[in-house]
Each structure stands twice: as structure tokens, then as C-alpha cells.
Protein backbone atom coordinates (compact mmCIF):
# COMPACT_ATOMS: atom_id res chain seq x y z
CA MET A 1 -64.69 6.88 118.09
CA THR A 2 -62.89 3.55 118.56
CA ALA A 3 -65.21 1.78 116.12
CA ARG A 4 -64.72 4.49 113.51
CA ARG A 5 -60.93 4.32 113.83
CA THR A 6 -60.96 0.53 113.64
CA LEU A 7 -63.11 0.56 110.52
CA HIS A 8 -60.93 3.19 108.89
CA HIS A 9 -57.75 1.26 109.73
CA ILE A 10 -59.13 -1.91 108.14
CA ALA A 11 -60.26 0.02 105.06
CA ARG A 12 -56.82 1.53 104.57
CA ARG A 13 -55.23 -1.94 104.84
CA VAL A 14 -57.57 -3.22 102.13
CA ASP A 15 -57.01 -0.14 100.00
CA ASN A 16 -53.24 -0.71 100.16
CA ASN A 17 -53.63 -4.44 99.47
CA PRO A 18 -56.75 -5.00 97.32
CA ARG A 19 -56.22 -8.78 97.32
CA LEU A 20 -57.51 -8.84 100.90
CA ALA A 21 -60.99 -7.96 99.64
CA HIS A 22 -61.11 -11.36 97.93
CA LEU A 23 -58.99 -13.44 100.31
CA ALA A 24 -60.86 -12.40 103.47
CA ALA A 25 -64.18 -11.08 102.18
CA GLU A 26 -66.37 -12.69 104.83
CA GLN A 27 -64.13 -11.57 107.71
CA LEU A 28 -64.01 -8.00 106.36
CA HIS A 29 -67.78 -7.84 105.96
CA ALA A 30 -68.26 -9.11 109.51
CA ALA A 31 -65.73 -6.60 110.88
CA ALA A 32 -67.48 -3.74 109.11
CA ASP A 33 -70.88 -4.81 110.44
CA THR A 34 -69.52 -5.08 113.98
CA ALA A 35 -67.93 -1.63 113.85
CA VAL A 36 -71.10 -0.01 112.53
CA VAL A 37 -73.36 -1.63 115.11
CA ARG A 38 -71.13 -1.25 118.17
CA GLY A 39 -70.11 2.29 117.31
CA GLN A 40 -73.59 3.32 116.16
CA LEU A 41 -71.78 4.91 113.23
CA LEU A 42 -74.90 5.48 111.15
CA ARG A 43 -76.62 7.52 113.84
CA LEU A 44 -75.88 10.98 112.49
CA PRO A 45 -75.37 13.51 115.31
CA GLU A 46 -76.40 17.12 114.97
CA LYS A 47 -73.70 19.16 113.29
CA LYS A 48 -72.19 21.91 115.42
CA ASP A 49 -71.09 25.18 113.87
CA THR A 50 -67.56 24.71 115.20
CA ASP A 51 -67.22 21.10 113.99
CA TYR A 52 -65.26 21.69 110.80
CA GLU A 53 -64.38 18.00 110.43
CA PHE A 54 -68.00 16.80 110.41
CA ASP A 55 -68.40 16.46 106.63
CA GLY A 56 -65.01 14.78 106.32
CA ARG A 57 -65.91 12.15 108.91
CA VAL A 58 -69.19 11.36 107.14
CA ARG A 59 -67.42 11.01 103.78
CA ARG A 60 -64.66 8.79 105.22
CA LEU A 61 -67.22 6.50 106.83
CA ALA A 62 -69.08 6.20 103.52
CA GLU A 63 -65.82 5.49 101.67
CA ASP A 64 -64.85 2.81 104.18
CA LEU A 65 -68.24 1.12 103.96
CA ALA A 66 -68.15 1.26 100.16
CA LEU A 67 -64.90 -0.69 100.33
CA LEU A 68 -65.73 -3.16 103.13
CA SER A 69 -69.45 -3.59 103.65
CA ALA A 70 -71.86 -6.08 102.10
CA ASN A 71 -74.77 -4.95 104.26
CA PRO A 72 -77.40 -3.19 102.09
CA GLY A 73 -78.86 -1.43 105.10
CA HIS A 74 -75.54 0.02 106.18
CA LEU A 75 -74.67 1.08 102.63
CA ALA A 76 -78.07 2.74 102.25
CA GLY A 77 -77.48 4.54 105.54
CA ALA A 78 -74.17 5.87 104.25
CA CYS A 79 -75.95 7.22 101.16
CA ALA A 80 -78.51 8.95 103.38
CA GLN A 81 -75.76 10.55 105.46
CA LEU A 82 -74.11 11.93 102.33
CA ALA A 83 -77.43 13.34 101.17
CA ALA A 84 -77.83 15.16 104.49
CA LEU A 85 -74.53 17.05 104.18
CA ASP A 86 -74.47 20.74 103.34
CA GLN A 87 -74.48 21.78 99.71
CA PRO A 88 -71.13 22.79 98.17
CA ALA A 89 -70.14 26.14 99.62
CA VAL A 90 -68.15 27.29 96.63
CA VAL A 91 -71.29 27.42 94.52
CA SER A 92 -73.80 29.96 95.73
CA PRO A 93 -77.09 28.26 96.69
CA ALA A 94 -79.00 31.42 95.79
CA PRO A 95 -76.85 33.13 93.18
CA SER A 96 -77.33 36.64 91.94
CA ARG A 97 -77.94 37.20 88.25
CA THR A 98 -75.57 40.18 88.40
CA LEU A 99 -72.72 37.95 89.56
CA ILE A 100 -71.50 37.09 86.10
CA ARG A 101 -68.47 35.14 85.02
CA VAL A 102 -66.00 37.10 82.93
CA PHE A 103 -63.36 34.98 81.27
CA ASP A 104 -59.71 35.93 81.40
CA ASP A 105 -57.84 35.09 78.19
CA SER A 106 -54.97 33.64 80.21
CA LEU A 107 -57.21 31.02 81.85
CA PRO A 108 -58.41 27.73 80.35
CA ALA A 109 -61.72 27.99 78.54
CA ASP A 110 -63.41 25.73 81.12
CA TYR A 111 -61.85 27.44 84.16
CA ASP A 112 -65.23 28.47 85.52
CA ARG A 113 -67.15 25.33 84.66
CA PRO A 114 -68.94 24.09 87.80
CA ALA A 115 -67.13 20.74 87.78
CA ARG A 116 -63.74 22.44 87.61
CA ILE A 117 -64.63 24.86 90.39
CA LEU A 118 -65.76 22.03 92.66
CA GLU A 119 -62.54 20.12 92.07
CA ARG A 120 -60.30 23.13 92.71
CA HIS A 121 -61.95 23.65 96.09
CA GLY A 122 -62.34 19.97 97.01
CA GLU A 123 -66.14 20.29 96.95
CA HIS A 124 -66.57 17.34 94.57
CA ARG A 125 -65.86 14.78 97.27
CA ARG A 126 -69.46 14.10 98.25
CA ALA A 127 -70.31 13.17 94.66
CA GLU A 128 -67.09 11.15 94.39
CA THR A 129 -67.95 9.20 97.53
CA LEU A 130 -71.46 8.52 96.28
CA ALA A 131 -69.92 7.10 93.10
CA ALA A 132 -67.80 4.77 95.26
CA LEU A 133 -70.92 3.55 97.08
CA ALA A 134 -72.67 3.00 93.76
CA ALA A 135 -69.76 0.82 92.65
CA ASN A 136 -70.44 -1.57 95.55
CA PRO A 137 -72.86 -4.19 94.11
CA ARG A 138 -74.64 -4.52 97.49
CA THR A 139 -75.63 -0.83 97.65
CA PRO A 140 -79.37 -0.45 96.93
CA HIS A 141 -79.91 1.54 93.74
CA THR A 142 -82.82 3.41 95.29
CA ALA A 143 -80.60 4.72 98.09
CA VAL A 144 -78.13 6.06 95.55
CA THR A 145 -80.80 7.67 93.35
CA ASP A 146 -82.40 9.29 96.42
CA ALA A 147 -79.03 10.87 97.21
CA LEU A 148 -78.54 11.95 93.60
CA ASN A 149 -81.83 13.84 93.73
CA VAL A 150 -80.55 16.18 96.46
CA LEU A 151 -77.13 16.90 94.96
CA HIS A 152 -76.35 20.39 93.74
CA PRO A 153 -76.47 20.79 89.93
CA ALA A 154 -72.73 21.43 89.99
CA GLU A 155 -72.16 18.06 91.67
CA LEU A 156 -74.25 16.36 89.00
CA ALA A 157 -72.17 18.17 86.38
CA TRP A 158 -69.03 16.82 88.06
CA ILE A 159 -70.40 13.26 87.93
CA ALA A 160 -71.20 13.64 84.23
CA GLU A 161 -67.73 14.95 83.41
CA LYS A 162 -65.40 13.34 85.92
CA ALA A 163 -66.90 10.44 87.85
CA GLU A 164 -66.06 6.80 87.35
CA GLY A 165 -68.88 4.44 88.23
CA PRO A 166 -71.25 1.81 86.92
CA ALA A 167 -73.31 2.70 83.87
CA TRP A 168 -76.59 2.68 85.80
CA PHE A 169 -75.19 5.29 88.21
CA LEU A 170 -74.05 7.65 85.45
CA GLU A 171 -77.39 7.25 83.70
CA ALA A 172 -79.30 7.93 86.92
CA ALA A 173 -77.27 11.09 87.55
CA ALA A 174 -77.92 12.30 84.02
CA ALA A 175 -81.64 11.64 84.46
CA VAL A 176 -82.04 13.86 87.54
CA PRO A 177 -84.44 16.61 86.43
CA ALA A 178 -83.01 20.10 86.45
CA ALA A 179 -84.85 22.68 88.52
CA GLU A 180 -86.65 25.33 86.52
CA ASP A 181 -84.48 28.03 88.10
CA GLU A 182 -81.27 26.02 87.76
CA ASP A 183 -78.25 28.26 87.60
CA ASP A 184 -74.54 27.58 87.82
CA TRP A 185 -73.41 31.10 88.68
CA VAL A 186 -70.53 31.17 91.11
CA LEU A 187 -69.04 33.58 93.58
CA ARG A 188 -65.71 34.74 92.22
CA LEU A 189 -64.05 38.02 93.11
CA LEU A 190 -63.33 39.82 89.86
CA GLY A 191 -60.51 42.29 89.32
CA ASP A 192 -61.19 45.85 88.22
CA ASP A 193 -60.36 45.09 84.60
CA GLU A 194 -62.94 42.28 84.59
CA LEU A 195 -65.48 44.43 86.38
CA ALA A 196 -65.03 47.16 83.80
CA ARG A 197 -66.41 44.78 81.15
CA HIS A 198 -69.68 44.48 83.04
CA PRO A 199 -72.42 47.04 82.28
CA ASP A 200 -73.02 47.61 86.01
CA PRO A 201 -69.87 46.98 88.11
CA ALA A 202 -71.54 48.44 91.21
CA ALA A 203 -74.25 45.78 91.02
CA VAL A 204 -71.60 43.06 90.90
CA LEU A 205 -69.91 44.47 94.00
CA GLN A 206 -73.26 44.56 95.78
CA SER A 207 -73.85 40.92 94.87
CA TRP A 208 -70.63 40.02 96.68
CA LEU A 209 -72.00 41.57 99.87
CA ASP A 210 -75.38 39.87 99.42
CA SER A 211 -74.19 36.41 98.36
CA PRO A 212 -74.98 33.56 100.80
CA ALA A 213 -71.77 31.83 99.66
CA VAL A 214 -69.74 34.39 101.60
CA ASP A 215 -68.50 32.99 104.95
CA GLU A 216 -68.33 29.56 103.33
CA SER A 217 -66.26 29.67 100.18
CA LEU A 218 -64.77 33.08 100.94
CA SER A 219 -64.25 34.91 104.21
CA ARG A 220 -65.98 38.21 104.77
CA SER A 221 -62.60 39.92 105.08
CA GLU A 222 -61.60 38.70 101.61
CA VAL A 223 -64.76 40.20 100.15
CA TYR A 224 -64.35 43.46 102.06
CA ARG A 225 -60.71 43.77 100.99
CA ALA A 226 -61.56 43.25 97.33
CA LEU A 227 -64.47 45.67 97.48
CA VAL A 228 -62.61 48.47 99.26
CA LYS A 229 -59.67 48.23 96.85
CA SER A 230 -61.89 48.27 93.78
CA ARG A 231 -62.12 51.59 91.96
CA HIS A 232 -65.76 50.73 91.24
CA HIS A 233 -66.96 50.88 94.86
CA THR A 234 -69.33 53.58 96.04
CA LEU A 235 -69.96 55.11 99.45
CA GLU A 236 -73.12 52.97 99.68
CA HIS A 237 -70.96 49.82 99.41
CA LEU A 238 -68.60 51.04 102.12
CA ARG A 239 -71.48 51.92 104.44
CA GLN A 240 -72.41 48.20 104.61
CA ILE A 241 -68.96 47.07 105.74
CA PRO A 242 -67.97 46.90 109.44
CA ALA A 243 -66.40 50.19 110.45
CA ASP A 244 -63.22 48.58 111.80
CA GLU A 245 -62.66 46.85 108.44
CA VAL A 246 -62.80 50.16 106.59
CA LEU A 247 -60.83 52.19 109.15
CA SER A 248 -58.00 49.88 110.12
CA ARG A 249 -57.62 46.85 107.90
CA HIS A 250 -57.65 48.03 104.32
CA GLU A 251 -57.06 51.33 102.53
CA PRO A 252 -56.86 54.05 105.25
CA GLU A 253 -56.72 56.93 102.77
CA ILE A 254 -60.18 55.98 101.48
CA ALA A 255 -61.75 56.21 104.94
CA LEU A 256 -59.74 59.33 105.77
CA LYS A 257 -61.11 61.26 102.80
CA ILE A 258 -64.69 60.31 103.68
CA LEU A 259 -64.20 61.26 107.34
CA LEU A 260 -62.60 64.59 106.43
CA ASP A 261 -65.55 65.39 104.21
CA HIS A 262 -68.04 64.25 106.87
CA CYS A 263 -66.48 65.77 110.01
CA GLY A 264 -64.80 68.82 108.53
CA ARG A 265 -63.80 71.29 111.26
CA SER A 266 -66.34 69.97 113.77
CA THR A 267 -64.51 69.12 116.98
CA GLY A 268 -67.64 67.45 118.28
CA ARG A 269 -67.78 65.04 115.34
CA TRP A 270 -64.13 64.10 115.68
CA GLU A 271 -64.64 63.46 119.41
CA ALA A 272 -67.73 61.37 118.63
CA LEU A 273 -65.67 59.40 116.12
CA ALA A 274 -63.01 58.65 118.73
CA THR A 275 -65.68 57.52 121.19
CA ALA A 276 -67.41 55.31 118.65
CA MET A 277 -64.15 53.54 117.83
CA THR A 278 -63.48 52.46 121.44
CA PHE A 279 -65.38 49.16 121.53
CA GLU A 280 -64.44 45.80 122.98
CA TYR A 281 -63.62 42.86 120.72
CA ASP A 282 -66.86 41.05 121.62
CA ASP A 283 -69.07 44.11 121.19
CA THR A 284 -71.52 44.30 118.33
CA LYS A 285 -69.59 46.16 115.68
CA LEU A 286 -70.97 49.16 113.85
CA THR A 287 -71.05 49.29 110.10
CA PHE A 288 -69.22 52.18 108.52
CA GLY A 289 -72.61 53.66 107.60
CA GLU A 290 -73.86 53.44 111.20
CA LEU A 291 -70.66 55.12 112.34
CA LEU A 292 -71.13 58.01 109.92
CA ASP A 293 -74.78 58.39 110.91
CA SER A 294 -73.85 58.51 114.62
CA LEU A 295 -71.58 61.48 113.92
CA ASP A 296 -74.54 63.45 112.63
CA ASP A 297 -75.85 63.64 116.21
CA ALA A 298 -72.66 65.31 117.40
CA PRO A 299 -72.79 69.07 118.29
CA ALA A 300 -72.51 71.38 115.33
CA PRO A 301 -69.24 73.28 114.94
CA THR A 302 -69.00 76.63 116.69
CA GLN A 303 -69.20 79.54 114.26
CA THR A 304 -66.52 82.20 114.72
CA THR A 305 -66.19 85.62 113.17
């Protein structure tokens, strides 16, 4: 931790006063080497799910080494660390073909271009940092090209459109072969007017629930809220959402109508509903569909004449 802070402090001093890079080059290179070795900064620890600053620390270390280091091994190690980071979350790693982009006339024509999306969400920074490493003449070209080969297609698109770097770097990025199933579809929650332009709005809503980008670029609650409020949702969509999300957090009249239809005059079903809703915060939560199915086991209503 101390070595990382020291290295970052020196890098910021040089960034604020670029003349230092020439006036004290040897001393800066030695300081960077010492910090890396003593702090074991290139030994990448296992990322924990709760460590939300992990990617930022890796990028800052790479940026600092790009500015200060003349050690090819250390610079290559920084490239390898960047390559090991997670893919951009805002671009779905396994997109659905039904998740189309529908352009709004009020938005710029390139609003949904992958490079623009990455920039809006700050997901271009890995590619930007790799460009900074490539600009250091001591960084091995092979280390940079190895990292380029694992970048997401959207990151490569950002480099082609936005990055500043040496010509060899831009050419190497452009030469990365595209995967046969390359796709730049993105997870974006469409409004009802946009959904209405799609031939199958229900399929688009289902793709939101299925997309692996959810929980990364968007929270589950955001997706549930958009889906419940959409006039295009079906009961099958609602059945996949946690029951507490449908019953208490969004549009209560939607759940109320379904429950009235499902429970009717059955006292047993209403009592079963009340029982099912009394769970602790840490309990495994039922989906709305599981809740409805559990009511089917309740006693049938008593027939009166």
C-alpha cells in the first residue's frame, strides 16, 4: 500500500510538471523500480466480489508506470494486468439478438455507437491506459499486442475512433481479427414508444431479464422497474421477478389485479399469501411466479348456497 501511494504521488508530481521527466529521468526510473519491487505491485491478487476499487487500482498503477518506468519487464507486467481485468460491463458479453437498438430522433446519430457508450460509462479507461503504456518507448510491443487481443470489440472500436497513441499501436489494434460472432449489441432500457417499433416487444423485455450485463451496467431493480412499468409486459415476465419487487416496490395496482384474479374469494389463498410474504431479509426470496404457484396449494374456497 505504501509503495503504491509513493509511486502514485511521484507520478502526479511529474504529470503536473512534465519537465521533471527529463530533468530527473534516472532518479524517477529508479524510484519506480524500487516501488514495484518492494511493494510487489505486479503480483495481482485475486479480485474479491466486494472490492469495487480493484480495476481502478490496476489502471492507476499502469498509468503511473507508463509515465515513470523504463523497465520493460514492469511495463509488460502492467499490460498483462490490464488484460486480466473484466470486460466492459456496459456492453453485454453475450448479447441477445432481440435486444436491438432503436434510435431516438432527439439523440445524436452515433449515440449508441460502442465507443460512445463506453465513454459515457467510463468503460473506455482500460483501452486508454493501454494506449498510454504503448506510448512509452520501453514498453515491449508484444506485451501491448497480447493485451489488444483480449480487449472487447467495443474497446477496439474506441481505440480506432478516440485513442491517441503511436502509429504502430493504432495499426495493431486495427489488425486484431474480429470474432466470427462479433456483435456490438448493448443493453439499453427502451421506452414503450421505442419498444412499439420492434416486431416483438415481449422478446426485448425477456432479453433484459436474461442479459448477463444486468447487475453490472444496470441494477436488477432498474430492469424490474422498467419492465413492470412497460405496457408491453406479460404475466410470464412478472412471474420471473422477485415477489417483493412486484408487490411493494413498483406498481401495486398491477400486482393487486393479478392477485384478485388469482385468489378471488378464497380466504385460504389470501391467508397463504400473507404467510408467504413474511420472510426475513436474508431469506431466499420467492419469485412472483413461485408465490402464485404456492397459493394453488391453499384450501379451496368453501361453497355456500
